[in-house]
Amino acid sequence: MIIGLFLIGFVLGLVYALIGEKLPLLVPEVLPKENNSWILNLFIGVVNALIFLISYYTFGISYEFFATLIIAGLVFIIFISDFKYMIILDSPLVVSAILILILRAYFNGFKDMGVSLLFGLILFLVMFLIGLFGKKMFKKEALGGGDIKLAGIIGIILGLKLGLVAIILSSLLALPYAAGAMMLNKDSEVPFGPFLIASMAIVFIFSDKFLNLIAFLF
């Protein structure tokens, strides 16, 4: 059974890598680039297989198990598409949001699904306002539309408190990269999506610890 689960997770990882690499090319403005190395694809497949195994034996067939699989898929797809092409496509975000809301309704009821959707809309608006402020302050786009929509997904998955923590954490994670990029090239753009999605994954995995930290601080 372990081998079977590992193979399922491995194949899913390869699919995520392929989606992240090929799906952005459907956008006319996106220019083709060199294909991912087979080592990167193999790494993604193995890591996703391990995530599949660990989440199955940790959570069983539960909301947390399926949510982990969705988050892993988003992590790999967005890391590749945003770092490689500087784009976060709507389709993975929409599909992920729909799947998460269905899981919420199935495991926790429609009320929980509605609350999750509300939190997603709130974080979407928060990031939208941050983007407007950044545009006025820096006289250029500070956040892409994909980043703002991704914040909505984070709100749906994590809720309001943990979603805000994830956004703050993503800014801290992106700061060293942004500083280095500005030193090397003043006009370079920083792909914020990978840091957002990585922060969401970290907060989701250690949600209990972050909730305890919030309770301690406030």
N, C-alpha and C. Protein backbone atom coordinates (compact mmCIF):
# COMPACT_ATOMS: atom_id res chain seq x y z
N MET A 1 0.83 -1.21 0.00
CA MET A 1 0.00 0.00 0.00
C MET A 1 0.86 1.26 0.00
N ILE A 2 1.97 1.21 0.74
CA ILE A 2 2.85 2.37 0.81
C ILE A 2 3.40 2.69 -0.58
N ILE A 3 3.80 1.65 -1.32
CA ILE A 3 4.35 1.86 -2.66
C ILE A 3 3.29 2.46 -3.58
N GLY A 4 2.06 1.94 -3.46
CA GLY A 4 0.97 2.47 -4.29
C GLY A 4 0.70 3.93 -4.00
N LEU A 5 0.64 4.30 -2.72
CA LEU A 5 0.41 5.70 -2.35
C LEU A 5 1.56 6.58 -2.82
N PHE A 6 2.79 6.07 -2.69
CA PHE A 6 3.96 6.83 -3.12
C PHE A 6 3.89 7.10 -4.63
N LEU A 7 3.51 6.09 -5.39
CA LEU A 7 3.43 6.24 -6.85
C LEU A 7 2.34 7.24 -7.24
N ILE A 8 1.20 7.19 -6.53
CA ILE A 8 0.13 8.16 -6.82
C ILE A 8 0.62 9.58 -6.56
N GLY A 9 1.26 9.80 -5.42
CA GLY A 9 1.78 11.12 -5.09
C GLY A 9 2.87 11.56 -6.05
N PHE A 10 3.71 10.61 -6.49
CA PHE A 10 4.78 10.93 -7.44
C PHE A 10 4.22 11.38 -8.78
N VAL A 11 3.24 10.64 -9.29
CA VAL A 11 2.63 11.01 -10.57
C VAL A 11 1.93 12.36 -10.47
N LEU A 12 1.23 12.59 -9.36
CA LEU A 12 0.58 13.90 -9.16
C LEU A 12 1.61 15.02 -9.16
N GLY A 13 2.76 14.79 -8.52
CA GLY A 13 3.81 15.80 -8.50
C GLY A 13 4.31 16.13 -9.90
N LEU A 14 4.48 15.11 -10.73
CA LEU A 14 4.91 15.34 -12.12
C LEU A 14 3.85 16.12 -12.89
N VAL A 15 2.58 15.83 -12.60
CA VAL A 15 1.49 16.57 -13.25
C VAL A 15 1.51 18.03 -12.83
N TYR A 16 1.72 18.29 -11.53
CA TYR A 16 1.80 19.67 -11.05
C TYR A 16 2.94 20.42 -11.74
N ALA A 17 4.10 19.77 -11.87
CA ALA A 17 5.25 20.41 -12.52
C ALA A 17 4.94 20.71 -13.98
N LEU A 18 4.26 19.80 -14.65
CA LEU A 18 3.90 20.01 -16.05
C LEU A 18 2.90 21.16 -16.21
N ILE A 19 1.92 21.22 -15.29
CA ILE A 19 0.94 22.31 -15.33
C ILE A 19 1.62 23.66 -15.12
N GLY A 20 2.48 23.72 -14.11
CA GLY A 20 3.18 24.97 -13.82
C GLY A 20 4.04 25.44 -14.96
N GLU A 21 4.57 24.49 -15.74
CA GLU A 21 5.46 24.85 -16.84
C GLU A 21 4.71 25.15 -18.13
N LYS A 22 3.67 24.40 -18.43
CA LYS A 22 3.01 24.50 -19.73
C LYS A 22 1.77 25.39 -19.75
N LEU A 23 1.02 25.42 -18.64
CA LEU A 23 -0.23 26.18 -18.64
C LEU A 23 -0.04 27.67 -18.93
N PRO A 24 1.00 28.32 -18.37
CA PRO A 24 1.18 29.75 -18.69
C PRO A 24 1.40 30.02 -20.18
N LEU A 25 1.87 29.03 -20.93
CA LEU A 25 2.13 29.23 -22.35
C LEU A 25 0.86 29.39 -23.17
N LEU A 26 -0.29 29.09 -22.54
CA LEU A 26 -1.57 29.31 -23.22
C LEU A 26 -1.93 30.79 -23.27
N VAL A 27 -1.27 31.58 -22.45
CA VAL A 27 -1.47 33.04 -22.47
C VAL A 27 -0.61 33.63 -23.58
N PRO A 28 -1.22 34.36 -24.52
CA PRO A 28 -0.46 34.86 -25.69
C PRO A 28 0.75 35.69 -25.32
N GLU A 29 0.67 36.46 -24.23
CA GLU A 29 1.77 37.38 -23.89
C GLU A 29 2.98 36.65 -23.29
N VAL A 30 2.81 35.40 -22.88
CA VAL A 30 3.89 34.67 -22.23
C VAL A 30 4.78 34.03 -23.28
N LEU A 31 6.09 34.27 -23.16
CA LEU A 31 7.05 33.72 -24.11
C LEU A 31 7.61 32.40 -23.60
N PRO A 32 7.78 31.42 -24.48
CA PRO A 32 8.33 30.12 -24.05
C PRO A 32 9.74 30.27 -23.50
N LYS A 33 10.06 29.43 -22.52
CA LYS A 33 11.40 29.39 -21.96
C LYS A 33 11.89 27.95 -21.92
N GLU A 34 13.12 27.78 -21.52
CA GLU A 34 13.70 26.44 -21.48
C GLU A 34 12.88 25.55 -20.54
N ASN A 35 12.68 24.31 -20.95
CA ASN A 35 11.90 23.37 -20.15
C ASN A 35 12.55 23.11 -18.80
N ASN A 36 11.72 22.75 -17.82
CA ASN A 36 12.25 22.37 -16.53
C ASN A 36 13.23 21.20 -16.69
N SER A 37 14.24 21.17 -15.88
CA SER A 37 15.17 20.04 -15.92
C SER A 37 14.48 18.80 -15.36
N TRP A 38 14.91 17.64 -15.82
CA TRP A 38 14.31 16.40 -15.32
C TRP A 38 14.59 16.21 -13.84
N ILE A 39 15.69 16.81 -13.36
CA ILE A 39 16.02 16.70 -11.93
C ILE A 39 14.98 17.45 -11.10
N LEU A 40 14.59 18.66 -11.57
CA LEU A 40 13.56 19.44 -10.86
C LEU A 40 12.24 18.69 -10.85
N ASN A 41 11.83 18.15 -11.99
CA ASN A 41 10.58 17.41 -12.05
C ASN A 41 10.61 16.18 -11.16
N LEU A 42 11.75 15.48 -11.15
CA LEU A 42 11.90 14.31 -10.29
C LEU A 42 11.81 14.71 -8.82
N PHE A 43 12.45 15.83 -8.48
CA PHE A 43 12.42 16.33 -7.10
C PHE A 43 11.00 16.65 -6.68
N ILE A 44 10.25 17.34 -7.54
CA ILE A 44 8.86 17.69 -7.23
C ILE A 44 8.03 16.43 -7.06
N GLY A 45 8.23 15.43 -7.93
CA GLY A 45 7.49 14.19 -7.82
C GLY A 45 7.75 13.47 -6.51
N VAL A 46 9.02 13.39 -6.11
CA VAL A 46 9.38 12.71 -4.87
C VAL A 46 8.84 13.46 -3.66
N VAL A 47 9.01 14.78 -3.64
CA VAL A 47 8.52 15.57 -2.50
C VAL A 47 7.00 15.44 -2.36
N ASN A 48 6.30 15.51 -3.49
CA ASN A 48 4.84 15.39 -3.43
C ASN A 48 4.43 13.99 -2.97
N ALA A 49 5.17 12.98 -3.39
CA ALA A 49 4.89 11.62 -2.94
C ALA A 49 5.04 11.50 -1.43
N LEU A 50 6.08 12.12 -0.89
CA LEU A 50 6.29 12.08 0.56
C LEU A 50 5.19 12.85 1.29
N ILE A 51 4.78 13.99 0.73
CA ILE A 51 3.67 14.75 1.32
C ILE A 51 2.40 13.91 1.31
N PHE A 52 2.15 13.23 0.21
CA PHE A 52 0.96 12.36 0.07
C PHE A 52 0.97 11.29 1.16
N LEU A 53 2.11 10.63 1.33
CA LEU A 53 2.22 9.55 2.32
C LEU A 53 2.05 10.08 3.74
N ILE A 54 2.79 11.14 4.06
CA ILE A 54 2.77 11.67 5.43
C ILE A 54 1.37 12.17 5.80
N SER A 55 0.74 12.90 4.88
CA SER A 55 -0.59 13.44 5.17
C SER A 55 -1.62 12.33 5.32
N TYR A 56 -1.48 11.25 4.52
CA TYR A 56 -2.43 10.14 4.62
C TYR A 56 -2.32 9.45 5.97
N TYR A 57 -1.09 9.17 6.40
CA TYR A 57 -0.90 8.46 7.66
C TYR A 57 -1.06 9.37 8.88
N THR A 58 -1.01 10.68 8.66
CA THR A 58 -1.22 11.62 9.76
C THR A 58 -2.70 11.94 9.96
N PHE A 59 -3.40 12.20 8.85
CA PHE A 59 -4.79 12.66 8.94
C PHE A 59 -5.83 11.61 8.55
N GLY A 60 -5.41 10.57 7.80
CA GLY A 60 -6.40 9.64 7.27
C GLY A 60 -7.22 10.33 6.19
N ILE A 61 -8.36 9.73 5.86
CA ILE A 61 -9.25 10.36 4.88
C ILE A 61 -10.06 11.43 5.60
N SER A 62 -9.61 12.67 5.48
CA SER A 62 -10.21 13.78 6.21
C SER A 62 -10.05 15.07 5.41
N TYR A 63 -10.66 16.14 5.93
CA TYR A 63 -10.51 17.45 5.29
C TYR A 63 -9.04 17.84 5.22
N GLU A 64 -8.31 17.62 6.31
CA GLU A 64 -6.90 18.01 6.36
C GLU A 64 -6.08 17.29 5.30
N PHE A 65 -6.39 16.02 5.07
CA PHE A 65 -5.65 15.25 4.06
C PHE A 65 -5.87 15.83 2.67
N PHE A 66 -7.12 16.04 2.28
CA PHE A 66 -7.40 16.55 0.95
C PHE A 66 -6.93 18.00 0.80
N ALA A 67 -7.06 18.80 1.87
CA ALA A 67 -6.58 20.18 1.82
C ALA A 67 -5.07 20.22 1.62
N THR A 68 -4.36 19.30 2.26
CA THR A 68 -2.91 19.23 2.10
C THR A 68 -2.53 18.94 0.65
N LEU A 69 -3.27 18.04 0.01
CA LEU A 69 -2.99 17.72 -1.39
C LEU A 69 -3.23 18.93 -2.28
N ILE A 70 -4.29 19.68 -2.02
CA ILE A 70 -4.59 20.87 -2.82
C ILE A 70 -3.52 21.93 -2.62
N ILE A 71 -3.12 22.13 -1.37
CA ILE A 71 -2.08 23.12 -1.07
C ILE A 71 -0.77 22.74 -1.74
N ALA A 72 -0.40 21.46 -1.69
CA ALA A 72 0.83 21.01 -2.33
C ALA A 72 0.80 21.28 -3.82
N GLY A 73 -0.34 21.00 -4.45
CA GLY A 73 -0.47 21.26 -5.87
C GLY A 73 -0.30 22.74 -6.19
N LEU A 74 -0.93 23.59 -5.40
CA LEU A 74 -0.81 25.04 -5.61
C LEU A 74 0.64 25.50 -5.42
N VAL A 75 1.30 24.96 -4.39
CA VAL A 75 2.68 25.34 -4.12
C VAL A 75 3.56 25.08 -5.33
N PHE A 76 3.50 23.88 -5.87
CA PHE A 76 4.38 23.53 -6.99
C PHE A 76 4.01 24.29 -8.26
N ILE A 77 2.72 24.40 -8.55
CA ILE A 77 2.30 25.09 -9.77
C ILE A 77 2.68 26.57 -9.73
N ILE A 78 2.41 27.22 -8.60
CA ILE A 78 2.67 28.65 -8.50
C ILE A 78 4.17 28.94 -8.43
N PHE A 79 4.94 28.10 -7.72
CA PHE A 79 6.38 28.30 -7.67
C PHE A 79 6.96 28.32 -9.08
N ILE A 80 6.57 27.35 -9.89
CA ILE A 80 7.12 27.25 -11.24
C ILE A 80 6.62 28.38 -12.13
N SER A 81 5.30 28.59 -12.15
CA SER A 81 4.74 29.59 -13.08
C SER A 81 5.16 31.01 -12.72
N ASP A 82 5.22 31.33 -11.42
CA ASP A 82 5.54 32.71 -11.04
C ASP A 82 7.03 32.99 -11.14
N PHE A 83 7.87 32.07 -10.70
CA PHE A 83 9.31 32.28 -10.81
C PHE A 83 9.77 32.25 -12.27
N LYS A 84 9.16 31.38 -13.07
CA LYS A 84 9.61 31.21 -14.45
C LYS A 84 9.02 32.23 -15.40
N TYR A 85 7.71 32.53 -15.23
CA TYR A 85 7.02 33.40 -16.18
C TYR A 85 6.46 34.68 -15.54
N MET A 86 6.62 34.84 -14.23
CA MET A 86 6.07 35.99 -13.52
C MET A 86 4.56 36.10 -13.72
N ILE A 87 3.86 34.96 -13.62
CA ILE A 87 2.41 34.97 -13.81
C ILE A 87 1.79 33.91 -12.91
N ILE A 88 0.63 34.27 -12.32
CA ILE A 88 -0.19 33.32 -11.57
C ILE A 88 -1.52 33.23 -12.30
N LEU A 89 -1.80 32.09 -12.86
CA LEU A 89 -3.02 31.93 -13.65
C LEU A 89 -4.24 31.77 -12.76
N ASP A 90 -5.38 32.18 -13.30
CA ASP A 90 -6.62 32.10 -12.55
C ASP A 90 -7.11 30.66 -12.37
N SER A 91 -6.91 29.83 -13.39
CA SER A 91 -7.53 28.50 -13.38
C SER A 91 -7.12 27.64 -12.19
N PRO A 92 -5.82 27.53 -11.82
CA PRO A 92 -5.49 26.74 -10.63
C PRO A 92 -6.11 27.32 -9.35
N LEU A 93 -6.19 28.66 -9.27
CA LEU A 93 -6.77 29.29 -8.10
C LEU A 93 -8.26 29.01 -7.99
N VAL A 94 -8.96 29.13 -9.12
CA VAL A 94 -10.41 28.89 -9.12
C VAL A 94 -10.72 27.44 -8.79
N VAL A 95 -10.01 26.52 -9.42
CA VAL A 95 -10.23 25.09 -9.16
C VAL A 95 -9.95 24.77 -7.69
N SER A 96 -8.86 25.30 -7.16
CA SER A 96 -8.50 25.04 -5.76
C SER A 96 -9.56 25.60 -4.81
N ALA A 97 -10.03 26.82 -5.09
CA ALA A 97 -11.06 27.43 -4.24
C ALA A 97 -12.33 26.60 -4.24
N ILE A 98 -12.75 26.16 -5.41
CA ILE A 98 -13.97 25.35 -5.51
C ILE A 98 -13.81 24.04 -4.74
N LEU A 99 -12.66 23.38 -4.91
CA LEU A 99 -12.43 22.11 -4.22
C LEU A 99 -12.41 22.29 -2.70
N ILE A 100 -11.76 23.35 -2.24
CA ILE A 100 -11.69 23.60 -0.79
C ILE A 100 -13.09 23.87 -0.24
N LEU A 101 -13.87 24.67 -0.94
CA LEU A 101 -15.22 24.99 -0.47
C LEU A 101 -16.10 23.73 -0.45
N ILE A 102 -15.94 22.86 -1.44
CA ILE A 102 -16.68 21.60 -1.44
C ILE A 102 -16.27 20.74 -0.25
N LEU A 103 -14.98 20.68 0.02
CA LEU A 103 -14.49 19.92 1.17
C LEU A 103 -15.03 20.49 2.48
N ARG A 104 -15.02 21.81 2.58
CA ARG A 104 -15.55 22.47 3.78
C ARG A 104 -17.02 22.09 4.00
N ALA A 105 -17.79 22.16 2.93
CA ALA A 105 -19.22 21.84 3.03
C ALA A 105 -19.42 20.37 3.39
N TYR A 106 -18.62 19.48 2.80
CA TYR A 106 -18.80 18.04 3.02
C TYR A 106 -18.40 17.64 4.44
N PHE A 107 -17.26 18.13 4.91
CA PHE A 107 -16.76 17.69 6.21
C PHE A 107 -17.29 18.54 7.37
N ASN A 108 -17.54 19.84 7.13
CA ASN A 108 -17.90 20.74 8.24
C ASN A 108 -19.25 21.41 8.09
N GLY A 109 -19.90 21.25 6.94
CA GLY A 109 -21.22 21.86 6.77
C GLY A 109 -21.18 23.13 5.92
N PHE A 110 -22.34 23.53 5.43
CA PHE A 110 -22.42 24.69 4.55
C PHE A 110 -22.14 26.00 5.28
N LYS A 111 -22.43 26.05 6.58
CA LYS A 111 -22.13 27.27 7.34
C LYS A 111 -20.64 27.53 7.35
N ASP A 112 -19.85 26.49 7.59
CA ASP A 112 -18.40 26.63 7.58
C ASP A 112 -17.91 27.05 6.20
N MET A 113 -18.51 26.51 5.17
CA MET A 113 -18.15 26.89 3.81
C MET A 113 -18.41 28.38 3.57
N GLY A 114 -19.57 28.88 4.04
CA GLY A 114 -19.89 30.28 3.88
C GLY A 114 -18.94 31.19 4.63
N VAL A 115 -18.58 30.80 5.85
CA VAL A 115 -17.63 31.59 6.64
C VAL A 115 -16.27 31.63 5.95
N SER A 116 -15.83 30.49 5.42
CA SER A 116 -14.55 30.43 4.72
C SER A 116 -14.55 31.33 3.49
N LEU A 117 -15.65 31.34 2.77
CA LEU A 117 -15.77 32.20 1.59
C LEU A 117 -15.71 33.67 1.99
N LEU A 118 -16.35 34.02 3.11
CA LEU A 118 -16.33 35.40 3.61
C LEU A 118 -14.90 35.81 3.97
N PHE A 119 -14.17 34.93 4.66
CA PHE A 119 -12.78 35.24 5.02
C PHE A 119 -11.92 35.41 3.76
N GLY A 120 -12.20 34.59 2.75
CA GLY A 120 -11.46 34.74 1.50
C GLY A 120 -11.71 36.09 0.86
N LEU A 121 -12.96 36.54 0.86
CA LEU A 121 -13.28 37.85 0.29
C LEU A 121 -12.61 38.98 1.08
N ILE A 122 -12.56 38.84 2.40
CA ILE A 122 -11.94 39.87 3.24
C ILE A 122 -10.45 39.98 2.92
N LEU A 123 -9.75 38.85 2.85
CA LEU A 123 -8.31 38.90 2.55
C LEU A 123 -8.06 39.37 1.13
N PHE A 124 -8.96 39.04 0.22
CA PHE A 124 -8.86 39.56 -1.15
C PHE A 124 -8.90 41.08 -1.13
N LEU A 125 -9.84 41.64 -0.38
CA LEU A 125 -9.97 43.10 -0.29
C LEU A 125 -8.77 43.72 0.40
N VAL A 126 -8.25 43.06 1.43
CA VAL A 126 -7.06 43.56 2.13
C VAL A 126 -5.89 43.69 1.17
N MET A 127 -5.64 42.63 0.40
CA MET A 127 -4.52 42.66 -0.54
C MET A 127 -4.77 43.64 -1.68
N PHE A 128 -6.03 43.77 -2.08
CA PHE A 128 -6.38 44.74 -3.12
C PHE A 128 -6.05 46.16 -2.67
N LEU A 129 -6.38 46.47 -1.42
CA LEU A 129 -6.08 47.80 -0.88
C LEU A 129 -4.58 48.01 -0.72
N ILE A 130 -3.88 46.95 -0.30
CA ILE A 130 -2.41 47.05 -0.20
C ILE A 130 -1.82 47.32 -1.58
N GLY A 131 -2.36 46.64 -2.60
CA GLY A 131 -1.89 46.87 -3.96
C GLY A 131 -2.12 48.29 -4.42
N LEU A 132 -3.30 48.85 -4.11
CA LEU A 132 -3.58 50.24 -4.48
C LEU A 132 -2.63 51.20 -3.78
N PHE A 133 -2.40 50.96 -2.49
CA PHE A 133 -1.48 51.81 -1.72
C PHE A 133 -0.07 51.74 -2.30
N GLY A 134 0.38 50.52 -2.62
CA GLY A 134 1.71 50.35 -3.17
C GLY A 134 1.85 51.00 -4.53
N LYS A 135 0.79 50.95 -5.34
CA LYS A 135 0.84 51.57 -6.66
C LYS A 135 0.97 53.08 -6.56
N LYS A 136 0.24 53.69 -5.61
CA LYS A 136 0.33 55.13 -5.43
C LYS A 136 1.69 55.54 -4.85
N MET A 137 2.22 54.68 -3.98
CA MET A 137 3.47 55.01 -3.30
C MET A 137 4.68 54.84 -4.23
N PHE A 138 4.71 53.75 -5.00
CA PHE A 138 5.88 53.45 -5.83
C PHE A 138 5.67 53.81 -7.31
N LYS A 139 4.47 54.30 -7.65
CA LYS A 139 4.15 54.73 -9.01
C LYS A 139 4.23 53.58 -10.03
N LYS A 140 4.03 52.36 -9.55
CA LYS A 140 3.95 51.20 -10.44
C LYS A 140 3.22 50.08 -9.70
N GLU A 141 2.90 49.03 -10.44
CA GLU A 141 2.17 47.92 -9.84
C GLU A 141 3.00 47.28 -8.74
N ALA A 142 2.46 47.27 -7.51
CA ALA A 142 3.17 46.66 -6.39
C ALA A 142 2.79 45.20 -6.22
N LEU A 143 1.56 44.85 -6.58
CA LEU A 143 1.08 43.48 -6.49
C LEU A 143 0.35 43.12 -7.77
N GLY A 144 0.58 41.92 -8.24
CA GLY A 144 -0.13 41.46 -9.43
C GLY A 144 -1.52 40.97 -9.07
N GLY A 145 -2.37 40.88 -10.07
CA GLY A 145 -3.73 40.40 -9.84
C GLY A 145 -3.74 38.98 -9.29
N GLY A 146 -2.78 38.16 -9.74
CA GLY A 146 -2.70 36.79 -9.24
C GLY A 146 -2.39 36.73 -7.76
N ASP A 147 -1.52 37.63 -7.29
CA ASP A 147 -1.19 37.68 -5.86
C ASP A 147 -2.43 38.03 -5.03
N ILE A 148 -3.21 38.97 -5.53
CA ILE A 148 -4.41 39.40 -4.81
C ILE A 148 -5.43 38.27 -4.74
N LYS A 149 -5.60 37.57 -5.87
CA LYS A 149 -6.53 36.44 -5.89
C LYS A 149 -6.03 35.31 -5.01
N LEU A 150 -4.73 35.10 -4.99
CA LEU A 150 -4.15 34.05 -4.14
C LEU A 150 -4.42 34.33 -2.67
N ALA A 151 -4.42 35.61 -2.29
CA ALA A 151 -4.74 35.97 -0.91
C ALA A 151 -6.16 35.53 -0.56
N GLY A 152 -7.07 35.62 -1.52
CA GLY A 152 -8.43 35.14 -1.29
C GLY A 152 -8.46 33.65 -1.02
N ILE A 153 -7.66 32.87 -1.77
CA ILE A 153 -7.57 31.43 -1.54
C ILE A 153 -7.01 31.15 -0.15
N ILE A 154 -6.01 31.94 0.25
CA ILE A 154 -5.42 31.76 1.57
C ILE A 154 -6.47 31.98 2.65
N GLY A 155 -7.32 33.00 2.48
CA GLY A 155 -8.39 33.24 3.44
C GLY A 155 -9.37 32.09 3.52
N ILE A 156 -9.70 31.50 2.37
CA ILE A 156 -10.63 30.36 2.35
C ILE A 156 -10.03 29.17 3.08
N ILE A 157 -8.74 28.92 2.87
CA ILE A 157 -8.10 27.74 3.45
C ILE A 157 -7.76 27.94 4.93
N LEU A 158 -7.20 29.09 5.27
CA LEU A 158 -6.68 29.30 6.63
C LEU A 158 -7.63 30.04 7.56
N GLY A 159 -8.57 30.79 7.01
CA GLY A 159 -9.38 31.64 7.85
C GLY A 159 -8.75 33.02 7.96
N LEU A 160 -9.40 33.90 8.71
CA LEU A 160 -8.97 35.29 8.75
C LEU A 160 -7.67 35.50 9.52
N LYS A 161 -7.61 35.01 10.77
CA LYS A 161 -6.43 35.24 11.61
C LYS A 161 -5.17 34.62 11.01
N LEU A 162 -5.25 33.33 10.70
CA LEU A 162 -4.08 32.64 10.16
C LEU A 162 -3.76 33.15 8.76
N GLY A 163 -4.77 33.57 8.00
CA GLY A 163 -4.53 34.14 6.69
C GLY A 163 -3.72 35.42 6.77
N LEU A 164 -4.05 36.28 7.73
CA LEU A 164 -3.27 37.51 7.93
C LEU A 164 -1.85 37.19 8.36
N VAL A 165 -1.69 36.17 9.20
CA VAL A 165 -0.35 35.74 9.62
C VAL A 165 0.45 35.29 8.40
N ALA A 166 -0.20 34.54 7.50
CA ALA A 166 0.48 34.06 6.30
C ALA A 166 0.94 35.21 5.42
N ILE A 167 0.11 36.25 5.29
CA ILE A 167 0.48 37.40 4.47
C ILE A 167 1.67 38.13 5.08
N ILE A 168 1.64 38.31 6.40
CA ILE A 168 2.76 38.97 7.08
C ILE A 168 4.04 38.15 6.93
N LEU A 169 3.91 36.83 7.12
CA LEU A 169 5.07 35.94 7.00
C LEU A 169 5.63 35.96 5.58
N SER A 170 4.76 36.02 4.58
CA SER A 170 5.23 36.05 3.19
C SER A 170 6.05 37.30 2.91
N SER A 171 5.66 38.42 3.51
CA SER A 171 6.42 39.66 3.34
C SER A 171 7.81 39.53 3.95
N LEU A 172 7.89 38.88 5.11
CA LEU A 172 9.19 38.68 5.76
C LEU A 172 10.08 37.74 4.95
N LEU A 173 9.46 36.70 4.38
CA LEU A 173 10.23 35.76 3.57
C LEU A 173 10.73 36.41 2.28
N ALA A 174 9.90 37.29 1.71
CA ALA A 174 10.26 37.92 0.43
C ALA A 174 11.27 39.04 0.59
N LEU A 175 11.40 39.58 1.80
CA LEU A 175 12.25 40.76 2.01
C LEU A 175 13.70 40.53 1.61
N PRO A 176 14.36 39.44 2.05
CA PRO A 176 15.77 39.25 1.64
C PRO A 176 15.91 39.09 0.13
N TYR A 177 14.98 38.36 -0.49
CA TYR A 177 15.02 38.17 -1.95
C TYR A 177 14.86 39.51 -2.66
N ALA A 178 13.90 40.32 -2.19
CA ALA A 178 13.66 41.61 -2.82
C ALA A 178 14.87 42.53 -2.66
N ALA A 179 15.49 42.51 -1.48
CA ALA A 179 16.66 43.35 -1.25
C ALA A 179 17.81 42.94 -2.17
N GLY A 180 18.02 41.63 -2.30
CA GLY A 180 19.08 41.16 -3.20
C GLY A 180 18.79 41.48 -4.64
N ALA A 181 17.53 41.35 -5.05
CA ALA A 181 17.16 41.65 -6.44
C ALA A 181 17.36 43.12 -6.76
N MET A 182 17.02 44.00 -5.81
CA MET A 182 17.20 45.44 -6.04
C MET A 182 18.67 45.82 -6.12
N MET A 183 19.50 45.13 -5.33
CA MET A 183 20.94 45.42 -5.37
C MET A 183 21.55 45.00 -6.70
N LEU A 184 21.06 43.90 -7.26
CA LEU A 184 21.61 43.40 -8.52
C LEU A 184 21.00 44.09 -9.73
N ASN A 185 19.71 44.41 -9.63
CA ASN A 185 19.02 45.04 -10.76
C ASN A 185 17.88 45.88 -10.22
N LYS A 186 18.00 47.16 -10.32
CA LYS A 186 17.02 48.07 -9.72
C LYS A 186 15.64 47.93 -10.35
N ASP A 187 15.58 47.49 -11.59
CA ASP A 187 14.30 47.39 -12.29
C ASP A 187 13.68 46.00 -12.24
N SER A 188 14.33 45.08 -11.52
CA SER A 188 13.83 43.70 -11.50
C SER A 188 12.55 43.60 -10.68
N GLU A 189 11.65 42.72 -11.14
CA GLU A 189 10.41 42.49 -10.42
C GLU A 189 10.57 41.28 -9.51
N VAL A 190 9.90 41.33 -8.37
CA VAL A 190 9.97 40.24 -7.41
C VAL A 190 8.70 39.41 -7.51
N PRO A 191 8.81 38.12 -7.82
CA PRO A 191 7.62 37.28 -7.84
C PRO A 191 7.15 37.00 -6.42
N PHE A 192 6.03 37.60 -6.04
CA PHE A 192 5.56 37.50 -4.65
C PHE A 192 4.74 36.23 -4.40
N GLY A 193 4.16 35.67 -5.48
CA GLY A 193 3.31 34.50 -5.33
C GLY A 193 3.96 33.32 -4.63
N PRO A 194 5.20 32.93 -5.00
CA PRO A 194 5.83 31.80 -4.31
C PRO A 194 5.97 32.01 -2.81
N PHE A 195 6.22 33.25 -2.39
CA PHE A 195 6.36 33.51 -0.96
C PHE A 195 5.00 33.45 -0.26
N LEU A 196 3.97 33.91 -0.96
CA LEU A 196 2.61 33.80 -0.41
C LEU A 196 2.20 32.35 -0.22
N ILE A 197 2.42 31.55 -1.25
CA ILE A 197 1.98 30.16 -1.20
C ILE A 197 2.83 29.36 -0.21
N ALA A 198 4.13 29.68 -0.12
CA ALA A 198 4.99 29.00 0.87
C ALA A 198 4.55 29.34 2.29
N SER A 199 4.21 30.61 2.52
CA SER A 199 3.75 31.02 3.84
C SER A 199 2.43 30.33 4.19
N MET A 200 1.54 30.20 3.21
CA MET A 200 0.28 29.51 3.46
C MET A 200 0.54 28.07 3.88
N ALA A 201 1.46 27.41 3.20
CA ALA A 201 1.78 26.02 3.53
C ALA A 201 2.38 25.91 4.94
N ILE A 202 3.29 26.82 5.27
CA ILE A 202 3.92 26.80 6.59
C ILE A 202 2.89 27.02 7.69
N VAL A 203 2.03 28.01 7.51
CA VAL A 203 1.02 28.31 8.53
C VAL A 203 0.01 27.17 8.64
N PHE A 204 -0.35 26.56 7.52
CA PHE A 204 -1.28 25.43 7.55
C PHE A 204 -0.70 24.26 8.34
N ILE A 205 0.58 23.95 8.10
CA ILE A 205 1.22 22.83 8.77
C ILE A 205 1.36 23.08 10.26
N PHE A 206 1.73 24.31 10.63
CA PHE A 206 1.96 24.64 12.04
C PHE A 206 0.84 25.54 12.58
N SER A 207 -0.38 25.28 12.15
CA SER A 207 -1.50 26.15 12.52
C SER A 207 -1.70 26.24 14.03
N ASP A 208 -1.55 25.12 14.74
CA ASP A 208 -1.73 25.14 16.20
C ASP A 208 -0.73 26.06 16.87
N LYS A 209 0.51 26.00 16.42
CA LYS A 209 1.54 26.85 17.02
C LYS A 209 1.28 28.33 16.73
N PHE A 210 0.85 28.63 15.53
CA PHE A 210 0.56 30.02 15.19
C PHE A 210 -0.66 30.53 15.95
N LEU A 211 -1.65 29.68 16.14
CA LEU A 211 -2.82 30.08 16.93
C LEU A 211 -2.42 30.34 18.38
N ASN A 212 -1.54 29.52 18.93
CA ASN A 212 -1.06 29.74 20.30
C ASN A 212 -0.27 31.05 20.39
N LEU A 213 0.50 31.35 19.33
CA LEU A 213 1.26 32.61 19.32
C LEU A 213 0.31 33.80 19.27
N ILE A 214 -0.75 33.71 18.47
CA ILE A 214 -1.73 34.79 18.39
C ILE A 214 -2.41 35.00 19.73
N ALA A 215 -2.77 33.87 20.40
CA ALA A 215 -3.43 33.97 21.71
C ALA A 215 -2.48 34.59 22.74
N PHE A 216 -1.19 34.26 22.63
CA PHE A 216 -0.21 34.81 23.58
C PHE A 216 -0.02 36.31 23.37
N LEU A 217 0.01 36.73 22.13
CA LEU A 217 0.27 38.14 21.82
C LEU A 217 -0.95 39.02 22.08
N PHE A 218 -2.14 38.45 21.87
CA PHE A 218 -3.35 39.28 21.96
C PHE A 218 -4.29 38.80 23.05
